[in-house]
Amino acid sequence: MFVHSPLEQFEVVSLISLNAPVVGYLNLSLTNLALYSLIVFLLVTGLHLAFKGTNCGTLNDTKLIPSTWSIALESSFASINAIVREQIGLRNEIYLPFIYSLFFFIIIANLIGNTPYSFTITTSIVLSVGLSFTIFIGVTVIGLAKHGLHFFSFFIPSGTPLALVPLLVLIEVTSYLARALSLGVRLFANVTAGHTLLKILSTFLYQLFSSSLVVAIFTLIPYSIFVALIGLEIAVSIIQAYVFILLTSSYIKDAIELH
């Protein structure tokens, strides 16, 4: 369950494996990716069940004055609701539960990854790109269901000269298909880069601290910078979750309004 080096957060390994010759050859295994995905799901669900009654700006069911966590969840809900209203529109708040759940899944996963000797599921290209591909397919289905064949007019900008239509369609289609990859790669790359940097710096600082007393004293200066970088990495974890839902909302809006 635990890793012995921050860089091991990028490696998916099998924790429990069961080989059973039931139907031909059946192999069941529990990987660290599956385990931490389940932990994230349970934490997100448990967090909201523990502080239920915070939806839609209501007070806690059992207390006249809401707790700090309740206020935090209410503020998060209000902020995400504002993003959905601004990006998708007031009439399309049906997508709010999905955007809200997506935000908390990513932010909890990122923050868990900042815990020493844990596993970061968002550094797995399978999960990050899998999320973006799923969202891409869902957004395309929404556009086709709402507009039918008129959805393909999205790839032809208005006022385009007829001679440039083939070239612009190729560019627009390529740009549209790139969304399926760019959304997940952005999350994967930023989280992975931050963890790699912290690994390199922590290894270097450990060697300095363990060399001699004089060197260890002077190492306190770069160590303070390292602590600041840890705070920056936590901020990146939150920002990446925000950017992910912001772009997802923007893609949904494009599919609905064909901008």
C-alpha atoms as a PDB file:
ATOM      1  CA  MET A   1       0.000   0.000   0.000  1.00  0.00           C
ATOM      2  CA  PHE A   2       2.874   2.376   0.764  1.00  0.00           C
ATOM      3  CA  VAL A   3       5.754   3.382  -1.471  1.00  0.00           C
ATOM      4  CA  HIS A   4       9.336   3.894  -0.352  1.00  0.00           C
ATOM      5  CA  SER A   5      10.196   6.728  -2.721  1.00  0.00           C
ATOM      6  CA  PRO A   6       8.134   9.648  -4.107  1.00  0.00           C
ATOM      7  CA  LEU A   7       9.024   8.550  -7.638  1.00  0.00           C
ATOM      8  CA  GLU A   8       7.246   5.248  -7.036  1.00  0.00           C
ATOM      9  CA  GLN A   9       3.997   7.219  -7.179  1.00  0.00           C
ATOM     10  CA  PHE A  10       4.300   6.925 -10.957  1.00  0.00           C
ATOM     11  CA  GLU A  11       4.404   3.105 -10.987  1.00  0.00           C
ATOM     12  CA  VAL A  12       1.260   0.983 -10.967  1.00  0.00           C
ATOM     13  CA  VAL A  13       1.942  -2.277  -9.133  1.00  0.00           C
ATOM     14  CA  SER A  14      -0.184  -5.230  -8.081  1.00  0.00           C
ATOM     15  CA  LEU A  15      -0.798  -5.432  -4.326  1.00  0.00           C
ATOM     16  CA  ILE A  16      -2.968  -8.545  -4.184  1.00  0.00           C
ATOM     17  CA  SER A  17      -3.242 -11.109  -6.977  1.00  0.00           C
ATOM     18  CA  LEU A  18      -5.576 -14.084  -7.220  1.00  0.00           C
ATOM     19  CA  ASN A  19      -5.199 -16.721  -9.915  1.00  0.00           C
ATOM     20  CA  ALA A  20      -8.242 -18.959 -10.192  1.00  0.00           C
ATOM     21  CA  PRO A  21      -8.859 -21.471 -13.022  1.00  0.00           C
ATOM     22  CA  VAL A  22     -12.632 -20.877 -12.892  1.00  0.00           C
ATOM     23  CA  VAL A  23     -13.430 -19.841 -16.433  1.00  0.00           C
ATOM     24  CA  GLY A  24     -10.353 -20.801 -18.382  1.00  0.00           C
ATOM     25  CA  TYR A  25      -7.733 -18.746 -16.581  1.00  0.00           C
ATOM     26  CA  LEU A  26      -9.014 -15.957 -14.341  1.00  0.00           C
ATOM     27  CA  ASN A  27      -6.598 -13.444 -12.848  1.00  0.00           C
ATOM     28  CA  LEU A  28      -7.879 -10.935 -10.307  1.00  0.00           C
ATOM     29  CA  SER A  29      -5.538  -8.333  -8.897  1.00  0.00           C
ATOM     30  CA  LEU A  30      -5.798  -5.209  -6.770  1.00  0.00           C
ATOM     31  CA  THR A  31      -3.348  -2.513  -7.856  1.00  0.00           C
ATOM     32  CA  ASN A  32      -2.287   0.572  -5.953  1.00  0.00           C
ATOM     33  CA  LEU A  33      -4.125   2.637  -8.585  1.00  0.00           C
ATOM     34  CA  ALA A  34      -7.392   0.815  -7.874  1.00  0.00           C
ATOM     35  CA  LEU A  35      -6.854   0.972  -4.104  1.00  0.00           C
ATOM     36  CA  TYR A  36      -6.170   4.705  -3.978  1.00  0.00           C
ATOM     37  CA  SER A  37      -9.004   5.399  -6.415  1.00  0.00           C
ATOM     38  CA  LEU A  38     -11.295   3.616  -3.967  1.00  0.00           C
ATOM     39  CA  ILE A  39      -9.806   5.590  -1.076  1.00  0.00           C
ATOM     40  CA  VAL A  40     -10.435   8.868  -2.923  1.00  0.00           C
ATOM     41  CA  PHE A  41     -14.014   7.826  -3.662  1.00  0.00           C
ATOM     42  CA  LEU A  42     -14.639   6.901  -0.017  1.00  0.00           C
ATOM     43  CA  LEU A  43     -13.073  10.138   1.227  1.00  0.00           C
ATOM     44  CA  VAL A  44     -15.139  12.311  -1.109  1.00  0.00           C
ATOM     45  CA  THR A  45     -18.331  10.444  -0.206  1.00  0.00           C
ATOM     46  CA  GLY A  46     -17.545  10.332   3.509  1.00  0.00           C
ATOM     47  CA  LEU A  47     -16.637  14.016   3.604  1.00  0.00           C
ATOM     48  CA  HIS A  48     -20.031  15.018   2.231  1.00  0.00           C
ATOM     49  CA  LEU A  49     -21.974  12.523   4.318  1.00  0.00           C
ATOM     50  CA  ALA A  50     -20.236  13.721   7.464  1.00  0.00           C
ATOM     51  CA  PHE A  51     -21.197  17.318   6.722  1.00  0.00           C
ATOM     52  CA  LYS A  52     -24.511  16.774   4.958  1.00  0.00           C
ATOM     53  CA  GLY A  53     -26.935  19.599   4.800  1.00  0.00           C
ATOM     54  CA  THR A  54     -24.415  21.971   3.233  1.00  0.00           C
ATOM     55  CA  ASN A  55     -25.894  21.866  -0.261  1.00  0.00           C
ATOM     56  CA  CYS A  56     -27.442  24.919  -1.806  1.00  0.00           C
ATOM     57  CA  GLY A  57     -26.309  27.191   1.012  1.00  0.00           C
ATOM     58  CA  THR A  58     -28.363  25.517   3.756  1.00  0.00           C
ATOM     59  CA  LEU A  59     -27.197  25.220   7.340  1.00  0.00           C
ATOM     60  CA  ASN A  60     -26.000  22.061   9.001  1.00  0.00           C
ATOM     61  CA  ASP A  61     -28.899  19.755   9.930  1.00  0.00           C
ATOM     62  CA  THR A  62     -27.822  19.310  13.543  1.00  0.00           C
ATOM     63  CA  LYS A  63     -26.252  22.682  14.386  1.00  0.00           C
ATOM     64  CA  LEU A  64     -27.589  26.191  14.280  1.00  0.00           C
ATOM     65  CA  ILE A  65     -24.108  27.503  13.497  1.00  0.00           C
ATOM     66  CA  PRO A  66     -22.376  25.455  10.783  1.00  0.00           C
ATOM     67  CA  SER A  67     -18.900  24.099  11.387  1.00  0.00           C
ATOM     68  CA  THR A  68     -15.790  25.285   9.573  1.00  0.00           C
ATOM     69  CA  TRP A  69     -15.898  22.237   7.289  1.00  0.00           C
ATOM     70  CA  SER A  70     -19.548  22.906   6.490  1.00  0.00           C
ATOM     71  CA  ILE A  71     -18.753  26.494   5.553  1.00  0.00           C
ATOM     72  CA  ALA A  72     -15.854  25.275   3.393  1.00  0.00           C
ATOM     73  CA  LEU A  73     -18.117  22.837   1.531  1.00  0.00           C
ATOM     74  CA  GLU A  74     -20.778  25.512   1.090  1.00  0.00           C
ATOM     75  CA  SER A  75     -18.178  27.899  -0.324  1.00  0.00           C
ATOM     76  CA  SER A  76     -16.890  25.190  -2.669  1.00  0.00           C
ATOM     77  CA  PHE A  77     -20.397  24.440  -3.868  1.00  0.00           C
ATOM     78  CA  ALA A  78     -21.136  28.131  -4.433  1.00  0.00           C
ATOM     79  CA  SER A  79     -17.874  28.627  -6.358  1.00  0.00           C
ATOM     80  CA  ILE A  80     -18.415  25.615  -8.610  1.00  0.00           C
ATOM     81  CA  ASN A  81     -22.029  26.610  -9.135  1.00  0.00           C
ATOM     82  CA  ALA A  82     -20.824  30.058 -10.240  1.00  0.00           C
ATOM     83  CA  ILE A  83     -18.395  28.438 -12.705  1.00  0.00           C
ATOM     84  CA  VAL A  84     -21.160  26.283 -14.188  1.00  0.00           C
ATOM     85  CA  ARG A  85     -23.528  29.254 -14.485  1.00  0.00           C
ATOM     86  CA  GLU A  86     -20.889  31.435 -16.102  1.00  0.00           C
ATOM     87  CA  GLN A  87     -19.468  28.820 -18.462  1.00  0.00           C
ATOM     88  CA  ILE A  88     -22.487  26.675 -19.359  1.00  0.00           C
ATOM     89  CA  GLY A  89     -25.402  28.967 -18.507  1.00  0.00           C
ATOM     90  CA  LEU A  90     -28.231  29.211 -16.002  1.00  0.00           C
ATOM     91  CA  ARG A  91     -30.448  26.834 -17.988  1.00  0.00           C
ATOM     92  CA  ASN A  92     -27.851  24.079 -18.012  1.00  0.00           C
ATOM     93  CA  GLU A  93     -27.267  23.538 -14.291  1.00  0.00           C
ATOM     94  CA  ILE A  94     -28.124  19.882 -14.872  1.00  0.00           C
ATOM     95  CA  TYR A  95     -24.368  19.408 -15.338  1.00  0.00           C
ATOM     96  CA  LEU A  96     -23.536  20.863 -11.916  1.00  0.00           C
ATOM     97  CA  PRO A  97     -23.502  17.500 -10.014  1.00  0.00           C
ATOM     98  CA  PHE A  98     -21.045  16.048 -12.533  1.00  0.00           C
ATOM     99  CA  ILE A  99     -18.722  19.074 -12.431  1.00  0.00           C
ATOM    100  CA  TYR A 100     -18.917  19.212  -8.633  1.00  0.00           C
ATOM    101  CA  SER A 101     -18.089  15.506  -8.238  1.00  0.00           C
ATOM    102  CA  LEU A 102     -15.275  15.751 -10.788  1.00  0.00           C
ATOM    103  CA  PHE A 103     -13.689  18.662  -8.922  1.00  0.00           C
ATOM    104  CA  PHE A 104     -13.657  16.915  -5.560  1.00  0.00           C
ATOM    105  CA  PHE A 105     -12.401  13.650  -7.028  1.00  0.00           C
ATOM    106  CA  ILE A 106      -9.411  15.377  -8.640  1.00  0.00           C
ATOM    107  CA  ILE A 107      -8.580  17.697  -5.753  1.00  0.00           C
ATOM    108  CA  ILE A 108      -8.716  14.934  -3.127  1.00  0.00           C
ATOM    109  CA  ALA A 109      -6.617  12.671  -5.366  1.00  0.00           C
ATOM    110  CA  ASN A 110      -4.028  15.424  -5.839  1.00  0.00           C
ATOM    111  CA  LEU A 111      -3.862  16.274  -2.145  1.00  0.00           C
ATOM    112  CA  ILE A 112      -3.499  12.625  -1.146  1.00  0.00           C
ATOM    113  CA  GLY A 113      -0.568  12.435  -3.545  1.00  0.00           C
ATOM    114  CA  ASN A 114       1.200  15.141  -1.527  1.00  0.00           C
ATOM    115  CA  THR A 115       1.241  12.838   1.488  1.00  0.00           C
ATOM    116  CA  PRO A 116       4.654  11.166   1.861  1.00  0.00           C
ATOM    117  CA  TYR A 117       4.824   7.487   0.816  1.00  0.00           C
ATOM    118  CA  SER A 118       1.354   7.504  -0.747  1.00  0.00           C
ATOM    119  CA  PHE A 119       0.325   7.007  -4.370  1.00  0.00           C
ATOM    120  CA  THR A 120      -0.874   9.774  -6.698  1.00  0.00           C
ATOM    121  CA  ILE A 121      -3.536   8.418  -9.035  1.00  0.00           C
ATOM    122  CA  THR A 122      -3.528  11.555 -11.200  1.00  0.00           C
ATOM    123  CA  THR A 123       0.109  10.825 -12.152  1.00  0.00           C
ATOM    124  CA  SER A 124      -1.209   7.739 -13.924  1.00  0.00           C
ATOM    125  CA  ILE A 125      -1.653   8.500 -17.615  1.00  0.00           C
ATOM    126  CA  VAL A 126      -4.343   5.813 -17.734  1.00  0.00           C
ATOM    127  CA  LEU A 127      -6.564   7.641 -15.247  1.00  0.00           C
ATOM    128  CA  SER A 128      -5.881  11.213 -16.391  1.00  0.00           C
ATOM    129  CA  VAL A 129      -6.251  10.581 -20.114  1.00  0.00           C
ATOM    130  CA  GLY A 130      -9.061   8.113 -19.434  1.00  0.00           C
ATOM    131  CA  LEU A 131     -10.990  10.891 -17.707  1.00  0.00           C
ATOM    132  CA  SER A 132     -10.374  13.315 -20.571  1.00  0.00           C
ATOM    133  CA  PHE A 133     -11.382  10.743 -23.222  1.00  0.00           C
ATOM    134  CA  THR A 134     -14.562   9.933 -21.298  1.00  0.00           C
ATOM    135  CA  ILE A 135     -15.429  13.629 -21.027  1.00  0.00           C
ATOM    136  CA  PHE A 136     -14.623  14.133 -24.724  1.00  0.00           C
ATOM    137  CA  ILE A 137     -16.951  11.290 -25.755  1.00  0.00           C
ATOM    138  CA  GLY A 138     -19.689  12.558 -23.420  1.00  0.00           C
ATOM    139  CA  VAL A 139     -19.435  16.121 -24.745  1.00  0.00           C
ATOM    140  CA  THR A 140     -19.596  14.858 -28.340  1.00  0.00           C
ATOM    141  CA  VAL A 141     -22.671  12.770 -27.556  1.00  0.00           C
ATOM    142  CA  ILE A 142     -24.328  15.808 -25.944  1.00  0.00           C
ATOM    143  CA  GLY A 143     -23.631  17.908 -29.044  1.00  0.00           C
ATOM    144  CA  LEU A 144     -24.947  15.251 -31.443  1.00  0.00           C
ATOM    145  CA  ALA A 145     -28.053  14.613 -29.304  1.00  0.00           C
ATOM    146  CA  LYS A 146     -28.869  18.314 -29.120  1.00  0.00           C
ATOM    147  CA  HIS A 147     -28.058  19.435 -32.659  1.00  0.00           C
ATOM    148  CA  GLY A 148     -27.985  16.289 -34.772  1.00  0.00           C
ATOM    149  CA  LEU A 149     -25.997  16.629 -37.989  1.00  0.00           C
ATOM    150  CA  HIS A 150     -25.953  20.400 -37.491  1.00  0.00           C
ATOM    151  CA  PHE A 151     -23.287  19.700 -34.816  1.00  0.00           C
ATOM    152  CA  PHE A 152     -20.696  19.336 -37.581  1.00  0.00           C
ATOM    153  CA  SER A 153     -21.137  23.012 -38.452  1.00  0.00           C
ATOM    154  CA  PHE A 154     -18.976  23.551 -35.367  1.00  0.00           C
ATOM    155  CA  PHE A 155     -15.976  22.703 -37.550  1.00  0.00           C
ATOM    156  CA  ILE A 156     -16.748  25.387 -40.144  1.00  0.00           C
ATOM    157  CA  PRO A 157     -16.339  28.942 -38.788  1.00  0.00           C
ATOM    158  CA  SER A 158     -18.986  31.356 -40.011  1.00  0.00           C
ATOM    159  CA  GLY A 159     -17.964  33.548 -42.922  1.00  0.00           C
ATOM    160  CA  THR A 160     -15.263  31.151 -44.116  1.00  0.00           C
ATOM    161  CA  PRO A 161     -14.525  31.438 -47.876  1.00  0.00           C
ATOM    162  CA  LEU A 162     -15.426  28.263 -49.725  1.00  0.00           C
ATOM    163  CA  ALA A 163     -11.861  27.744 -50.906  1.00  0.00           C
ATOM    164  CA  LEU A 164     -10.576  27.631 -47.320  1.00  0.00           C
ATOM    165  CA  VAL A 165     -13.258  25.293 -45.984  1.00  0.00           C
ATOM    166  CA  PRO A 166     -11.267  22.023 -46.451  1.00  0.00           C
ATOM    167  CA  LEU A 167      -8.195  23.466 -44.721  1.00  0.00           C
ATOM    168  CA  LEU A 168     -10.116  25.048 -41.841  1.00  0.00           C
ATOM    169  CA  VAL A 169     -12.211  21.907 -41.321  1.00  0.00           C
ATOM    170  CA  LEU A 170      -9.018  19.885 -41.014  1.00  0.00           C
ATOM    171  CA  ILE A 171      -7.598  22.373 -38.506  1.00  0.00           C
ATOM    172  CA  GLU A 172     -10.820  22.539 -36.478  1.00  0.00           C
ATOM    173  CA  VAL A 173     -11.258  18.759 -36.396  1.00  0.00           C
ATOM    174  CA  THR A 174      -7.642  18.301 -35.296  1.00  0.00           C
ATOM    175  CA  SER A 175      -8.084  20.954 -32.615  1.00  0.00           C
ATOM    176  CA  TYR A 176     -11.302  19.335 -31.430  1.00  0.00           C
ATOM    177  CA  LEU A 177      -9.802  15.841 -31.266  1.00  0.00           C
ATOM    178  CA  ALA A 178      -6.790  17.214 -29.377  1.00  0.00           C
ATOM    179  CA  ARG A 179      -9.111  18.054 -26.487  1.00  0.00           C
ATOM    180  CA  ALA A 180      -9.451  14.346 -25.740  1.00  0.00           C
ATOM    181  CA  LEU A 181      -5.724  14.201 -25.008  1.00  0.00           C
ATOM    182  CA  SER A 182      -4.761  17.685 -23.850  1.00  0.00           C
ATOM    183  CA  LEU A 183      -7.187  17.813 -20.917  1.00  0.00           C
ATOM    184  CA  GLY A 184      -5.705  14.710 -19.275  1.00  0.00           C
ATOM    185  CA  VAL A 185      -2.088  15.330 -20.292  1.00  0.00           C
ATOM    186  CA  ARG A 186      -2.204  18.798 -18.705  1.00  0.00           C
ATOM    187  CA  LEU A 187      -3.261  17.303 -15.362  1.00  0.00           C
ATOM    188  CA  PHE A 188      -0.810  14.416 -15.613  1.00  0.00           C
ATOM    189  CA  ALA A 189       2.170  16.562 -16.635  1.00  0.00           C
ATOM    190  CA  ASN A 190       1.740  19.259 -13.990  1.00  0.00           C
ATOM    191  CA  VAL A 191       1.296  16.865 -11.088  1.00  0.00           C
ATOM    192  CA  THR A 192       4.111  14.575 -12.253  1.00  0.00           C
ATOM    193  CA  ALA A 193       6.526  17.474 -12.787  1.00  0.00           C
ATOM    194  CA  GLY A 194       5.889  18.845  -9.308  1.00  0.00           C
ATOM    195  CA  HIS A 195       6.400  15.473  -7.629  1.00  0.00           C
ATOM    196  CA  THR A 196       9.576  14.837  -9.610  1.00  0.00           C
ATOM    197  CA  LEU A 197      11.004  18.217  -8.596  1.00  0.00           C
ATOM    198  CA  LEU A 198      10.266  17.578  -4.926  1.00  0.00           C
ATOM    199  CA  LYS A 199      11.898  14.153  -5.173  1.00  0.00           C
ATOM    200  CA  ILE A 200      15.102  15.572  -6.656  1.00  0.00           C
ATOM    201  CA  LEU A 201      15.315  18.394  -4.110  1.00  0.00           C
ATOM    202  CA  SER A 202      14.501  16.193  -1.120  1.00  0.00           C
ATOM    203  CA  THR A 203      17.214  13.702  -2.091  1.00  0.00           C
ATOM    204  CA  PHE A 204      19.754  16.505  -2.512  1.00  0.00           C
ATOM    205  CA  LEU A 205      18.826  18.141   0.818  1.00  0.00           C
ATOM    206  CA  TYR A 206      18.982  14.820   2.638  1.00  0.00           C
ATOM    207  CA  GLN A 207      22.555  14.322   1.450  1.00  0.00           C
ATOM    208  CA  LEU A 208      23.482  17.821   2.618  1.00  0.00           C
ATOM    209  CA  PHE A 209      21.886  17.387   6.048  1.00  0.00           C
ATOM    210  CA  SER A 210      23.661  14.070   6.591  1.00  0.00           C
ATOM    211  CA  SER A 211      27.126  15.300   5.533  1.00  0.00           C
ATOM    212  CA  SER A 212      28.291  17.492   8.440  1.00  0.00           C
ATOM    213  CA  LEU A 213      26.973  19.869  11.083  1.00  0.00           C
ATOM    214  CA  VAL A 214      28.280  23.015   9.376  1.00  0.00           C
ATOM    215  CA  VAL A 215      26.838  22.062   6.009  1.00  0.00           C
ATOM    216  CA  ALA A 216      23.546  21.106   7.683  1.00  0.00           C
ATOM    217  CA  ILE A 217      23.270  24.576   9.226  1.00  0.00           C
ATOM    218  CA  PHE A 218      23.789  26.314   5.879  1.00  0.00           C
ATOM    219  CA  THR A 219      21.330  23.846   4.285  1.00  0.00           C
ATOM    220  CA  LEU A 220      18.526  25.440   6.322  1.00  0.00           C
ATOM    221  CA  ILE A 221      18.379  28.232   3.720  1.00  0.00           C
ATOM    222  CA  PRO A 222      17.627  26.012   0.688  1.00  0.00           C
ATOM    223  CA  TYR A 223      15.415  23.896   2.982  1.00  0.00           C
ATOM    224  CA  SER A 224      13.160  26.917   3.558  1.00  0.00           C
ATOM    225  CA  ILE A 225      12.833  27.221  -0.220  1.00  0.00           C
ATOM    226  CA  PHE A 226      11.975  23.531  -0.367  1.00  0.00           C
ATOM    227  CA  VAL A 227       9.188  24.042   2.195  1.00  0.00           C
ATOM    228  CA  ALA A 228       7.845  26.898   0.067  1.00  0.00           C
ATOM    229  CA  LEU A 229       7.854  24.577  -2.956  1.00  0.00           C
ATOM    230  CA  ILE A 230       5.785  22.076  -0.992  1.00  0.00           C
ATOM    231  CA  GLY A 231       3.229  24.817  -0.421  1.00  0.00           C
ATOM    232  CA  LEU A 232       3.385  25.643  -4.126  1.00  0.00           C
ATOM    233  CA  GLU A 233       2.770  22.002  -5.014  1.00  0.00           C
ATOM    234  CA  ILE A 234      -0.325  21.968  -2.789  1.00  0.00           C
ATOM    235  CA  ALA A 235      -1.532  25.109  -4.570  1.00  0.00           C
ATOM    236  CA  VAL A 236      -0.886  23.443  -7.945  1.00  0.00           C
ATOM    237  CA  SER A 237      -2.982  20.464  -6.825  1.00  0.00           C
ATOM    238  CA  ILE A 238      -5.916  22.777  -6.171  1.00  0.00           C
ATOM    239  CA  ILE A 239      -5.391  24.893  -9.298  1.00  0.00           C
ATOM    240  CA  GLN A 240      -5.225  21.839 -11.567  1.00  0.00           C
ATOM    241  CA  ALA A 241      -8.575  20.596 -10.257  1.00  0.00           C
ATOM    242  CA  TYR A 242     -10.029  24.059 -10.905  1.00  0.00           C
ATOM    243  CA  VAL A 243      -8.573  24.249 -14.433  1.00  0.00           C
ATOM    244  CA  PHE A 244      -9.852  20.755 -15.238  1.00  0.00           C
ATOM    245  CA  ILE A 245     -13.481  21.552 -14.392  1.00  0.00           C
ATOM    246  CA  LEU A 246     -13.217  24.990 -15.996  1.00  0.00           C
ATOM    247  CA  LEU A 247     -12.145  23.479 -19.323  1.00  0.00           C
ATOM    248  CA  THR A 248     -14.720  20.702 -19.018  1.00  0.00           C
ATOM    249  CA  SER A 249     -17.463  23.298 -18.514  1.00  0.00           C
ATOM    250  CA  SER A 250     -16.153  25.239 -21.504  1.00  0.00           C
ATOM    251  CA  TYR A 251     -16.244  22.123 -23.692  1.00  0.00           C
ATOM    252  CA  ILE A 252     -19.819  21.389 -22.630  1.00  0.00           C
ATOM    253  CA  LYS A 253     -20.801  24.959 -23.467  1.00  0.00           C
ATOM    254  CA  ASP A 254     -19.242  24.651 -26.939  1.00  0.00           C
ATOM    255  CA  ALA A 255     -21.202  21.447 -27.566  1.00  0.00           C
ATOM    256  CA  ILE A 256     -24.466  23.058 -26.465  1.00  0.00           C
ATOM    257  CA  GLU A 257     -24.132  26.448 -28.148  1.00  0.00           C
ATOM    258  CA  LEU A 258     -21.791  25.480 -31.038  1.00  0.00           C
ATOM    259  CA  HIS A 259     -19.511  28.492 -30.596  1.00  0.00           C
END
